[in-house]
Protein backbone atom coordinates (compact mmCIF):
# COMPACT_ATOMS: atom_id res chain seq x y z
CA MET A 1 54.68 26.69 -62.19
CA GLU A 2 52.31 24.98 -64.58
CA VAL A 3 49.59 22.59 -63.42
CA TYR A 4 47.67 20.34 -65.81
CA ASN A 5 44.57 18.48 -64.63
CA LYS A 6 44.61 15.08 -66.33
CA GLN A 7 42.39 13.27 -63.84
CA ASP A 8 40.53 11.65 -66.71
CA ILE A 9 43.65 9.49 -67.18
CA GLY A 10 44.54 9.33 -63.48
CA PHE A 11 47.00 12.10 -62.69
CA ILE A 12 47.77 15.79 -62.26
CA GLU A 13 50.98 17.17 -63.82
CA VAL A 14 53.00 19.88 -62.06
CA TRP A 15 55.94 21.49 -63.88
CA MET A 16 58.31 23.46 -61.62
CA THR A 17 61.37 25.63 -62.23
CA HIS A 18 64.42 25.26 -60.02
CA GLU A 19 63.43 28.40 -58.08
CA GLU A 20 59.89 27.10 -57.49
CA GLN A 21 61.27 23.81 -56.16
CA GLU A 22 63.03 25.76 -53.39
CA LYS A 23 59.98 27.94 -52.70
CA PHE A 24 57.21 25.32 -52.46
CA ASP A 25 56.83 22.22 -50.30
CA ARG A 26 55.79 19.42 -52.69
CA ILE A 27 54.00 17.40 -49.99
CA GLU A 28 51.83 20.37 -49.02
CA LEU A 29 51.23 21.23 -52.67
CA THR A 30 50.17 17.64 -53.39
CA ARG A 31 47.61 17.75 -50.58
CA LYS A 32 46.21 21.06 -51.84
CA LEU A 33 45.96 19.84 -55.41
CA LEU A 34 44.26 16.59 -54.47
CA GLY A 35 41.78 18.53 -52.31
CA HIS A 36 41.11 21.11 -55.03
CA TYR A 37 40.57 18.85 -58.05
CA GLN A 38 37.52 16.63 -57.49
CA PRO A 39 38.12 15.60 -53.87
CA GLY A 40 37.69 11.90 -53.23
CA LYS A 41 38.69 10.83 -56.74
CA LYS A 42 41.89 8.79 -56.74
CA CYS A 43 44.76 10.05 -58.85
CA LYS A 44 48.50 10.64 -58.71
CA VAL A 45 50.40 13.92 -58.78
CA ALA A 46 53.43 13.86 -61.10
CA PHE A 47 56.10 16.53 -60.56
CA PHE A 48 58.44 17.47 -63.40
CA LEU A 49 61.40 19.35 -61.95
CA SER A 50 63.91 21.55 -63.76
CA GLY A 51 67.55 20.88 -63.06
CA ASP A 52 70.14 23.39 -61.95
CA ARG A 53 72.82 22.53 -64.51
CA ASP A 54 73.34 23.93 -68.01
CA LEU A 55 70.94 22.20 -70.42
CA GLU A 56 73.13 22.65 -73.51
CA GLU A 57 76.21 21.22 -71.76
CA GLN A 58 74.30 18.24 -70.37
CA THR A 59 72.65 17.50 -73.74
CA GLU A 60 75.99 17.64 -75.51
CA GLY A 61 77.45 15.15 -73.04
CA LEU A 62 74.56 12.74 -73.57
CA LEU A 63 74.82 12.99 -77.34
CA CYS A 64 78.59 12.36 -77.28
CA MET A 65 78.12 9.28 -75.07
CA ASN A 66 75.58 7.80 -77.48
CA LEU A 67 77.59 8.19 -80.67
């Protein structure tokens, strides 16, 4: 998991693998992050989640559709 504090522009980024998505509760993690990074300051937490399908196969399908 990678966490990037971008509160200066209003959000915190969280990048999670497929395995981490199953391991962590995002609601609880959001509460912890908002409490840890400058409590009281308003911001959003943005989660970027990895998929469970083959990236190469999915990319190929998208490229073929757009030709």
